[in-house]
Amino acid sequence: PENKIWALYEEPLSKVIKKCRFKMAFARLMAKYKAYKFYKKNKSD
């Protein structure tokens, strides 16, 4: 069976927030922040 929270893993972040799944939204925002830090530190072609 599909799990409603797992199903939001790749949904647009706006949709996640609209569904009030704030833990999922925070987790994905944290991932974006860490990815941004990595990219700034390790710029590559």
All heavy atoms as atom14 arrays in JSON, in Angstrom:
{
  "sequence": "PENKIWALYEEPLSKVIKKCRFKMAFARLMAKYKAYKFYKKNKSD",
  "atom14_mask": [
    [1, 1, 1, 1, 1, 1, 1, 0, 0, 0, 0, 0, 0, 0],
    [1, 1, 1, 1, 1, 1, 1, 1, 1, 0, 0, 0, 0, 0],
    [1, 1, 1, 1, 1, 1, 1, 1, 0, 0, 0, 0, 0, 0],
    [1, 1, 1, 1, 1, 1, 1, 1, 1, 0, 0, 0, 0, 0],
    [1, 1, 1, 1, 1, 1, 1, 1, 0, 0, 0, 0, 0, 0],
    [1, 1, 1, 1, 1, 1, 1, 1, 1, 1, 1, 1, 1, 1],
    [1, 1, 1, 1, 1, 0, 0, 0, 0, 0, 0, 0, 0, 0],
    [1, 1, 1, 1, 1, 1, 1, 1, 0, 0, 0, 0, 0, 0],
    [1, 1, 1, 1, 1, 1, 1, 1, 1, 1, 1, 1, 0, 0],
    [1, 1, 1, 1, 1, 1, 1, 1, 1, 0, 0, 0, 0, 0],
    [1, 1, 1, 1, 1, 1, 1, 1, 1, 0, 0, 0, 0, 0],
    [1, 1, 1, 1, 1, 1, 1, 0, 0, 0, 0, 0, 0, 0],
    [1, 1, 1, 1, 1, 1, 1, 1, 0, 0, 0, 0, 0, 0],
    [1, 1, 1, 1, 1, 1, 0, 0, 0, 0, 0, 0, 0, 0],
    [1, 1, 1, 1, 1, 1, 1, 1, 1, 0, 0, 0, 0, 0],
    [1, 1, 1, 1, 1, 1, 1, 0, 0, 0, 0, 0, 0, 0],
    [1, 1, 1, 1, 1, 1, 1, 1, 0, 0, 0, 0, 0, 0],
    [1, 1, 1, 1, 1, 1, 1, 1, 1, 0, 0, 0, 0, 0],
    [1, 1, 1, 1, 1, 1, 1, 1, 1, 0, 0, 0, 0, 0],
    [1, 1, 1, 1, 1, 1, 0, 0, 0, 0, 0, 0, 0, 0],
    [1, 1, 1, 1, 1, 1, 1, 1, 1, 1, 1, 0, 0, 0],
    [1, 1, 1, 1, 1, 1, 1, 1, 1, 1, 1, 0, 0, 0],
    [1, 1, 1, 1, 1, 1, 1, 1, 1, 0, 0, 0, 0, 0],
    [1, 1, 1, 1, 1, 1, 1, 1, 0, 0, 0, 0, 0, 0],
    [1, 1, 1, 1, 1, 0, 0, 0, 0, 0, 0, 0, 0, 0],
    [1, 1, 1, 1, 1, 1, 1, 1, 1, 1, 1, 0, 0, 0],
    [1, 1, 1, 1, 1, 0, 0, 0, 0, 0, 0, 0, 0, 0],
    [1, 1, 1, 1, 1, 1, 1, 1, 1, 1, 1, 0, 0, 0],
    [1, 1, 1, 1, 1, 1, 1, 1, 0, 0, 0, 0, 0, 0],
    [1, 1, 1, 1, 1, 1, 1, 1, 0, 0, 0, 0, 0, 0],
    [1, 1, 1, 1, 1, 0, 0, 0, 0, 0, 0, 0, 0, 0],
    [1, 1, 1, 1, 1, 1, 1, 1, 1, 0, 0, 0, 0, 0],
    [1, 1, 1, 1, 1, 1, 1, 1, 1, 1, 1, 1, 0, 0],
    [1, 1, 1, 1, 1, 1, 1, 1, 1, 0, 0, 0, 0, 0],
    [1, 1, 1, 1, 1, 0, 0, 0, 0, 0, 0, 0, 0, 0],
    [1, 1, 1, 1, 1, 1, 1, 1, 1, 1, 1, 1, 0, 0],
    [1, 1, 1, 1, 1, 1, 1, 1, 1, 0, 0, 0, 0, 0],
    [1, 1, 1, 1, 1, 1, 1, 1, 1, 1, 1, 0, 0, 0],
    [1, 1, 1, 1, 1, 1, 1, 1, 1, 1, 1, 1, 0, 0],
    [1, 1, 1, 1, 1, 1, 1, 1, 1, 0, 0, 0, 0, 0],
    [1, 1, 1, 1, 1, 1, 1, 1, 1, 0, 0, 0, 0, 0],
    [1, 1, 1, 1, 1, 1, 1, 1, 0, 0, 0, 0, 0, 0],
    [1, 1, 1, 1, 1, 1, 1, 1, 1, 0, 0, 0, 0, 0],
    [1, 1, 1, 1, 1, 1, 0, 0, 0, 0, 0, 0, 0, 0],
    [1, 1, 1, 1, 1, 1, 1, 1, 0, 0, 0, 0, 0, 0]
  ],
  "atom14_positions": [
    [[0.82, -1.22, 0.0], [0.0, 0.0, 0.0], [0.85, 1.27, 0.0], [1.94, 1.29, 0.58], [-0.8, -0.12, 1.29], [-0.77, -1.56, 1.65], [0.54, -2.07, 1.17], [0.0, 0.0, 0.0], [0.0, 0.0, 0.0], [0.0, 0.0, 0.0], [0.0, 0.0, 0.0], [0.0, 0.0, 0.0], [0.0, 0.0, 0.0], [0.0, 0.0, 0.0]],
    [[0.33, 2.3, -0.63], [1.0, 3.59, -0.61], [0.86, 4.22, 0.77], [-0.18, 4.13, 1.41], [0.39, 4.51, -1.66], [1.06, 5.88, -1.76], [0.37, 6.8, -2.74], [-0.68, 7.38, -2.36], [0.84, 6.93, -3.87], [0.0, 0.0, 0.0], [0.0, 0.0, 0.0], [0.0, 0.0, 0.0], [0.0, 0.0, 0.0], [0.0, 0.0, 0.0]],
    [[1.95, 4.84, 1.24], [1.92, 5.57, 2.49], [1.87, 7.07, 2.17], [2.68, 7.57, 1.39], [3.17, 5.25, 3.32], [3.19, 5.96, 4.65], [3.49, 7.16, 4.71], [2.88, 5.25, 5.71], [0.0, 0.0, 0.0], [0.0, 0.0, 0.0], [0.0, 0.0, 0.0], [0.0, 0.0, 0.0], [0.0, 0.0, 0.0], [0.0, 0.0, 0.0]],
    [[0.92, 7.78, 2.76], [0.67, 9.18, 2.39], [1.86, 10.09, 2.65], [2.08, 11.07, 1.93], [-0.56, 9.71, 3.15], [-1.87, 9.09, 2.69], [-3.06, 9.68, 3.45], [-4.36, 9.06, 2.97], [-5.54, 9.61, 3.7], [0.0, 0.0, 0.0], [0.0, 0.0, 0.0], [0.0, 0.0, 0.0], [0.0, 0.0, 0.0], [0.0, 0.0, 0.0]],
    [[2.64, 9.77, 3.68], [3.81, 10.61, 3.98], [4.96, 10.28, 3.04], [5.59, 11.18, 2.47], [4.22, 10.44, 5.46], [3.07, 10.9, 6.37], [5.49, 11.24, 5.75], [3.34, 10.74, 7.84], [0.0, 0.0, 0.0], [0.0, 0.0, 0.0], [0.0, 0.0, 0.0], [0.0, 0.0, 0.0], [0.0, 0.0, 0.0], [0.0, 0.0, 0.0]],
    [[5.22, 9.01, 2.85], [6.27, 8.61, 1.9], [5.96, 9.16, 0.51], [6.87, 9.51, -0.25], [6.36, 7.09, 1.84], [7.03, 6.42, 3.0], [6.51, 6.22, 4.24], [8.34, 5.86, 3.04], [7.41, 5.57, 5.04], [8.55, 5.32, 4.33], [9.36, 5.74, 2.11], [9.72, 4.7, 4.71], [10.55, 5.1, 2.48], [10.71, 4.59, 3.78]],
    [[4.68, 9.22, 0.15], [4.29, 9.66, -1.19], [4.66, 11.11, -1.47], [4.68, 11.54, -2.62], [2.79, 9.46, -1.38], [0.0, 0.0, 0.0], [0.0, 0.0, 0.0], [0.0, 0.0, 0.0], [0.0, 0.0, 0.0], [0.0, 0.0, 0.0], [0.0, 0.0, 0.0], [0.0, 0.0, 0.0], [0.0, 0.0, 0.0], [0.0, 0.0, 0.0]],
    [[4.98, 11.88, -0.42], [5.34, 13.29, -0.59], [6.83, 13.48, -0.83], [7.29, 14.62, -0.97], [4.92, 14.08, 0.65], [3.41, 14.17, 0.91], [3.15, 14.81, 2.27], [2.73, 14.95, -0.2], [0.0, 0.0, 0.0], [0.0, 0.0, 0.0], [0.0, 0.0, 0.0], [0.0, 0.0, 0.0], [0.0, 0.0, 0.0], [0.0, 0.0, 0.0]],
    [[7.57, 12.39, -0.89], [9.04, 12.46, -0.99], [9.5, 13.3, -2.18], [10.43, 14.11, -2.07], [9.59, 11.04, -1.06], [11.02, 10.94, -1.53], [12.03, 11.61, -0.86], [11.35, 10.17, -2.64], [13.34, 11.53, -1.29], [12.66, 10.07, -3.07], [13.64, 10.74, -2.39], [14.94, 10.66, -2.82], [0.0, 0.0, 0.0], [0.0, 0.0, 0.0]],
    [[8.84, 13.17, -3.33], [9.27, 13.93, -4.51], [8.21, 14.93, -4.98], [8.33, 15.47, -6.07], [9.64, 12.97, -5.65], [10.95, 12.25, -5.42], [11.4, 11.47, -6.64], [10.56, 11.2, -7.51], [12.6, 11.14, -6.72], [0.0, 0.0, 0.0], [0.0, 0.0, 0.0], [0.0, 0.0, 0.0], [0.0, 0.0, 0.0], [0.0, 0.0, 0.0]],
    [[7.2, 15.15, -4.19], [6.18, 16.15, -4.56], [6.75, 17.56, -4.41], [7.68, 17.78, -3.61], [4.94, 15.99, -3.68], [4.14, 14.72, -3.92], [3.44, 14.71, -5.27], [3.34, 15.79, -5.9], [2.97, 13.64, -5.69], [0.0, 0.0, 0.0], [0.0, 0.0, 0.0], [0.0, 0.0, 0.0], [0.0, 0.0, 0.0], [0.0, 0.0, 0.0]],
    [[6.21, 18.54, -5.15], [6.67, 19.93, -4.97], [6.56, 20.35, -3.51], [5.6, 19.99, -2.81], [5.71, 20.73, -5.86], [5.25, 19.75, -6.9], [5.2, 18.42, -6.2], [0.0, 0.0, 0.0], [0.0, 0.0, 0.0], [0.0, 0.0, 0.0], [0.0, 0.0, 0.0], [0.0, 0.0, 0.0], [0.0, 0.0, 0.0], [0.0, 0.0, 0.0]],
    [[7.54, 21.11, -3.06], [7.59, 21.51, -1.65], [6.35, 22.31, -1.26], [5.85, 22.18, -0.13], [8.85, 22.33, -1.4], [9.33, 22.47, 0.04], [9.48, 21.12, 0.72], [10.65, 23.23, 0.08], [0.0, 0.0, 0.0], [0.0, 0.0, 0.0], [0.0, 0.0, 0.0], [0.0, 0.0, 0.0], [0.0, 0.0, 0.0], [0.0, 0.0, 0.0]],
    [[5.82, 23.11, -2.17], [4.62, 23.88, -1.88], [3.44, 22.97, -1.56], [2.62, 23.27, -0.68], [4.26, 24.77, -3.07], [4.05, 24.0, -4.24], [0.0, 0.0, 0.0], [0.0, 0.0, 0.0], [0.0, 0.0, 0.0], [0.0, 0.0, 0.0], [0.0, 0.0, 0.0], [0.0, 0.0, 0.0], [0.0, 0.0, 0.0], [0.0, 0.0, 0.0]],
    [[3.36, 21.84, -2.25], [2.29, 20.88, -2.01], [2.46, 20.22, -0.64], [1.47, 19.97, 0.06], [2.27, 19.83, -3.11], [1.11, 18.85, -3.03], [1.1, 17.92, -4.22], [-0.05, 16.92, -4.14], [-0.05, 16.01, -5.33], [0.0, 0.0, 0.0], [0.0, 0.0, 0.0], [0.0, 0.0, 0.0], [0.0, 0.0, 0.0], [0.0, 0.0, 0.0]],
    [[3.69, 19.94, -0.28], [3.98, 19.33, 1.03], [3.53, 20.27, 2.15], [2.89, 19.85, 3.12], [5.48, 19.01, 1.16], [5.79, 18.45, 2.55], [5.91, 18.02, 0.08], [0.0, 0.0, 0.0], [0.0, 0.0, 0.0], [0.0, 0.0, 0.0], [0.0, 0.0, 0.0], [0.0, 0.0, 0.0], [0.0, 0.0, 0.0], [0.0, 0.0, 0.0]],
    [[3.85, 21.55, 2.02], [3.48, 22.54, 3.03], [1.96, 22.71, 3.08], [1.37, 22.8, 4.16], [4.18, 23.88, 2.75], [5.7, 23.72, 2.9], [3.66, 24.97, 3.69], [6.5, 24.9, 2.45], [0.0, 0.0, 0.0], [0.0, 0.0, 0.0], [0.0, 0.0, 0.0], [0.0, 0.0, 0.0], [0.0, 0.0, 0.0], [0.0, 0.0, 0.0]],
    [[1.34, 22.73, 1.9], [-0.11, 22.89, 1.84], [-0.83, 21.75, 2.57], [-1.9, 21.94, 3.16], [-0.56, 22.95, 0.38], [-2.01, 23.33, 0.18], [-2.33, 23.49, -1.29], [-3.8, 23.89, -1.49], [-4.13, 24.06, -2.93], [0.0, 0.0, 0.0], [0.0, 0.0, 0.0], [0.0, 0.0, 0.0], [0.0, 0.0, 0.0], [0.0, 0.0, 0.0]],
    [[-0.22, 20.56, 2.54], [-0.81, 19.41, 3.22], [-0.44, 19.38, 4.71], [-0.74, 18.41, 5.4], [-0.36, 18.11, 2.54], [-1.01, 17.87, 1.18], [-0.52, 16.57, 0.57], [-1.24, 16.24, -0.72], [-2.62, 15.82, -0.49], [0.0, 0.0, 0.0], [0.0, 0.0, 0.0], [0.0, 0.0, 0.0], [0.0, 0.0, 0.0], [0.0, 0.0, 0.0]],
    [[0.25, 20.43, 5.15], [0.65, 20.56, 6.57], [1.59, 19.44, 7.03], [1.58, 19.07, 8.21], [-0.59, 20.61, 7.47], [-1.65, 22.04, 7.14], [0.0, 0.0, 0.0], [0.0, 0.0, 0.0], [0.0, 0.0, 0.0], [0.0, 0.0, 0.0], [0.0, 0.0, 0.0], [0.0, 0.0, 0.0], [0.0, 0.0, 0.0], [0.0, 0.0, 0.0]],
    [[2.37, 18.92, 6.11], [3.36, 17.91, 6.47], [4.68, 18.65, 6.75], [5.62, 18.64, 5.94], [3.52, 16.89, 5.34], [2.25, 16.09, 5.06], [1.86, 15.22, 6.23], [0.71, 14.37, 5.92], [0.18, 13.49, 6.76], [0.69, 13.37, 7.97], [-0.87, 12.75, 6.41], [0.0, 0.0, 0.0], [0.0, 0.0, 0.0], [0.0, 0.0, 0.0]],
    [[4.73, 19.29, 7.89], [5.83, 20.21, 8.17], [7.15, 19.5, 8.44], [8.22, 20.03, 8.15], [5.45, 21.14, 9.33], [4.24, 21.99, 9.02], [3.1, 21.9, 9.8], [4.26, 22.86, 7.95], [1.99, 22.67, 9.52], [3.15, 23.63, 7.65], [2.01, 23.55, 8.43], [0.0, 0.0, 0.0], [0.0, 0.0, 0.0], [0.0, 0.0, 0.0]],
    [[7.09, 18.29, 9.02], [8.33, 17.53, 9.23], [8.97, 17.19, 7.89], [10.19, 17.3, 7.73], [8.04, 16.26, 10.02], [7.78, 16.49, 11.5], [7.64, 15.15, 12.23], [7.45, 15.35, 13.72], [7.32, 14.05, 14.43], [0.0, 0.0, 0.0], [0.0, 0.0, 0.0], [0.0, 0.0, 0.0], [0.0, 0.0, 0.0], [0.0, 0.0, 0.0]],
    [[8.15, 16.75, 6.92], [8.67, 16.44, 5.59], [9.24, 17.71, 4.93], [10.32, 17.69, 4.33], [7.57, 15.84, 4.71], [7.96, 15.61, 3.26], [9.24, 14.34, 3.02], [8.24, 12.84, 3.2], [0.0, 0.0, 0.0], [0.0, 0.0, 0.0], [0.0, 0.0, 0.0], [0.0, 0.0, 0.0], [0.0, 0.0, 0.0], [0.0, 0.0, 0.0]],
    [[8.51, 18.81, 5.05], [8.97, 20.07, 4.46], [10.3, 20.5, 5.08], [11.23, 20.91, 4.36], [7.91, 21.15, 4.67], [0.0, 0.0, 0.0], [0.0, 0.0, 0.0], [0.0, 0.0, 0.0], [0.0, 0.0, 0.0], [0.0, 0.0, 0.0], [0.0, 0.0, 0.0], [0.0, 0.0, 0.0], [0.0, 0.0, 0.0], [0.0, 0.0, 0.0]],
    [[10.4, 20.4, 6.42], [11.64, 20.8, 7.08], [12.8, 19.9, 6.66], [13.92, 20.39, 6.43], [11.47, 20.76, 8.61], [12.7, 21.15, 9.36], [13.04, 22.48, 9.5], [13.53, 20.18, 9.92], [14.2, 22.85, 10.18], [14.68, 20.54, 10.6], [15.01, 21.88, 10.73], [0.0, 0.0, 0.0], [0.0, 0.0, 0.0], [0.0, 0.0, 0.0]],
    [[12.54, 18.59, 6.58], [13.6, 17.65, 6.17], [14.13, 17.99, 4.78], [15.33, 17.99, 4.54], [13.07, 16.22, 6.22], [0.0, 0.0, 0.0], [0.0, 0.0, 0.0], [0.0, 0.0, 0.0], [0.0, 0.0, 0.0], [0.0, 0.0, 0.0], [0.0, 0.0, 0.0], [0.0, 0.0, 0.0], [0.0, 0.0, 0.0], [0.0, 0.0, 0.0]],
    [[13.22, 18.29, 3.87], [13.64, 18.6, 2.51], [14.33, 19.96, 2.41], [15.28, 20.14, 1.65], [12.45, 18.51, 1.57], [12.03, 17.04, 1.36], [10.83, 16.88, 0.49], [10.95, 17.62, -0.77], [10.02, 17.63, -1.7], [8.9, 16.94, -1.53], [10.18, 18.31, -2.81], [0.0, 0.0, 0.0], [0.0, 0.0, 0.0], [0.0, 0.0, 0.0]],
    [[13.88, 20.92, 3.21], [14.56, 22.22, 3.25], [15.97, 22.09, 3.83], [16.91, 22.72, 3.34], [13.74, 23.22, 4.07], [12.48, 23.76, 3.39], [11.62, 24.52, 4.39], [12.84, 24.66, 2.2], [0.0, 0.0, 0.0], [0.0, 0.0, 0.0], [0.0, 0.0, 0.0], [0.0, 0.0, 0.0], [0.0, 0.0, 0.0], [0.0, 0.0, 0.0]],
    [[16.1, 21.26, 4.84], [17.42, 21.01, 5.42], [18.35, 20.37, 4.39], [19.53, 20.73, 4.28], [17.28, 20.1, 6.65], [18.61, 19.78, 7.34], [19.47, 21.25, 7.95], [18.39, 21.72, 9.3], [0.0, 0.0, 0.0], [0.0, 0.0, 0.0], [0.0, 0.0, 0.0], [0.0, 0.0, 0.0], [0.0, 0.0, 0.0], [0.0, 0.0, 0.0]],
    [[17.8, 19.44, 3.61], [18.59, 18.8, 2.55], [19.02, 19.83, 1.5], [20.17, 19.81, 1.03], [17.77, 17.68, 1.9], [0.0, 0.0, 0.0], [0.0, 0.0, 0.0], [0.0, 0.0, 0.0], [0.0, 0.0, 0.0], [0.0, 0.0, 0.0], [0.0, 0.0, 0.0], [0.0, 0.0, 0.0], [0.0, 0.0, 0.0], [0.0, 0.0, 0.0]],
    [[18.11, 20.72, 1.13], [18.45, 21.77, 0.17], [19.57, 22.66, 0.7], [20.49, 23.04, -0.03], [17.21, 22.63, -0.13], [16.23, 22.02, -1.13], [15.05, 22.95, -1.33], [14.11, 22.44, -2.41], [14.66, 22.6, -3.76], [0.0, 0.0, 0.0], [0.0, 0.0, 0.0], [0.0, 0.0, 0.0], [0.0, 0.0, 0.0], [0.0, 0.0, 0.0]],
    [[19.48, 22.99, 1.98], [20.5, 23.85, 2.6], [21.87, 23.16, 2.59], [22.88, 23.78, 2.24], [20.08, 24.19, 4.03], [21.13, 24.91, 4.82], [21.48, 26.22, 4.51], [21.78, 24.28, 5.88], [22.47, 26.89, 5.23], [22.75, 24.94, 6.61], [23.1, 26.24, 6.28], [24.07, 26.89, 7.0], [0.0, 0.0, 0.0], [0.0, 0.0, 0.0]],
    [[21.89, 21.87, 2.95], [23.16, 21.14, 2.96], [23.73, 20.99, 1.55], [24.94, 21.09, 1.34], [22.96, 19.76, 3.6], [22.7, 19.83, 5.1], [22.6, 18.43, 5.71], [22.44, 18.51, 7.23], [22.37, 17.17, 7.84], [0.0, 0.0, 0.0], [0.0, 0.0, 0.0], [0.0, 0.0, 0.0], [0.0, 0.0, 0.0], [0.0, 0.0, 0.0]],
    [[22.84, 20.78, 0.57], [23.29, 20.68, -0.82], [23.87, 22.0, -1.3], [24.88, 22.04, -2.01], [22.14, 20.23, -1.71], [0.0, 0.0, 0.0], [0.0, 0.0, 0.0], [0.0, 0.0, 0.0], [0.0, 0.0, 0.0], [0.0, 0.0, 0.0], [0.0, 0.0, 0.0], [0.0, 0.0, 0.0], [0.0, 0.0, 0.0], [0.0, 0.0, 0.0]],
    [[23.22, 23.09, -0.9], [23.71, 24.42, -1.28], [25.1, 24.67, -0.69], [26.01, 25.16, -1.38], [22.73, 25.48, -0.79], [23.21, 26.9, -0.97], [23.2, 27.51, -2.22], [23.69, 27.63, 0.12], [23.66, 28.82, -2.39], [24.16, 28.93, -0.03], [24.14, 29.52, -1.29], [24.6, 30.8, -1.46], [0.0, 0.0, 0.0], [0.0, 0.0, 0.0]],
    [[25.28, 24.32, 0.59], [26.59, 24.49, 1.23], [27.66, 23.66, 0.52], [28.78, 24.12, 0.31], [26.49, 24.09, 2.71], [25.81, 25.11, 3.6], [25.77, 24.65, 5.05], [27.16, 24.47, 5.62], [27.11, 24.03, 7.05], [0.0, 0.0, 0.0], [0.0, 0.0, 0.0], [0.0, 0.0, 0.0], [0.0, 0.0, 0.0], [0.0, 0.0, 0.0]],
    [[27.29, 22.42, 0.17], [28.25, 21.56, -0.53], [28.63, 22.17, -1.87], [29.81, 22.2, -2.24], [27.65, 20.17, -0.73], [28.51, 19.26, -1.57], [29.56, 18.55, -1.0], [28.29, 19.12, -2.94], [30.37, 17.72, -1.77], [29.09, 18.3, -3.71], [30.13, 17.6, -3.13], [0.0, 0.0, 0.0], [0.0, 0.0, 0.0], [0.0, 0.0, 0.0]],
    [[27.63, 22.65, -2.6], [27.88, 23.22, -3.94], [28.78, 24.45, -3.84], [29.71, 24.61, -4.63], [26.56, 23.58, -4.61], [26.75, 24.26, -5.95], [27.14, 23.52, -7.07], [26.56, 25.63, -6.09], [27.33, 24.13, -8.3], [26.75, 26.25, -7.31], [27.14, 25.5, -8.41], [27.33, 26.11, -9.62], [0.0, 0.0, 0.0], [0.0, 0.0, 0.0]],
    [[28.53, 25.32, -2.87], [29.35, 26.53, -2.72], [30.8, 26.19, -2.39], [31.73, 26.87, -2.84], [28.76, 27.4, -1.62], [27.4, 27.99, -1.94], [27.46, 29.04, -3.03], [28.05, 30.34, -2.54], [28.01, 31.4, -3.59], [0.0, 0.0, 0.0], [0.0, 0.0, 0.0], [0.0, 0.0, 0.0], [0.0, 0.0, 0.0], [0.0, 0.0, 0.0]],
    [[30.98, 25.12, -1.63], [32.32, 24.73, -1.21], [33.04, 23.91, -2.27], [34.27, 23.93, -2.36], [32.23, 23.91, 0.1], [33.57, 23.56, 0.69], [33.39, 22.78, 1.99], [34.73, 22.39, 2.59], [34.57, 21.62, 3.85], [0.0, 0.0, 0.0], [0.0, 0.0, 0.0], [0.0, 0.0, 0.0], [0.0, 0.0, 0.0], [0.0, 0.0, 0.0]],
    [[32.28, 23.19, -3.1], [32.87, 22.26, -4.07], [32.38, 22.55, -5.49], [31.84, 21.68, -6.16], [32.52, 20.81, -3.69], [32.98, 20.44, -2.3], [34.11, 20.01, -2.1], [32.09, 20.59, -1.33], [0.0, 0.0, 0.0], [0.0, 0.0, 0.0], [0.0, 0.0, 0.0], [0.0, 0.0, 0.0], [0.0, 0.0, 0.0], [0.0, 0.0, 0.0]],
    [[32.55, 23.78, -5.93], [32.1, 24.15, -7.26], [32.83, 23.32, -8.31], [34.03, 23.07, -8.23], [32.32, 25.63, -7.51], [31.32, 26.52, -6.78], [31.45, 27.97, -7.17], [30.39, 28.81, -6.49], [30.5, 30.25, -6.84], [0.0, 0.0, 0.0], [0.0, 0.0, 0.0], [0.0, 0.0, 0.0], [0.0, 0.0, 0.0], [0.0, 0.0, 0.0]],
    [[32.07, 22.87, -9.29], [32.61, 21.97, -10.3], [31.83, 22.15, -11.6], [30.67, 22.58, -11.6], [32.51, 20.51, -9.82], [32.78, 19.61, -10.87], [0.0, 0.0, 0.0], [0.0, 0.0, 0.0], [0.0, 0.0, 0.0], [0.0, 0.0, 0.0], [0.0, 0.0, 0.0], [0.0, 0.0, 0.0], [0.0, 0.0, 0.0], [0.0, 0.0, 0.0]],
    [[32.48, 21.82, -12.72], [31.8, 21.83, -14.02], [30.87, 20.63, -14.16], [30.03, 20.59, -15.06], [32.82, 21.81, -15.16], [33.62, 23.11, -15.24], [33.1, 24.14, -14.77], [34.76, 23.07, -15.74], [0.0, 0.0, 0.0], [0.0, 0.0, 0.0], [0.0, 0.0, 0.0], [0.0, 0.0, 0.0], [0.0, 0.0, 0.0], [0.0, 0.0, 0.0]]
  ]
}
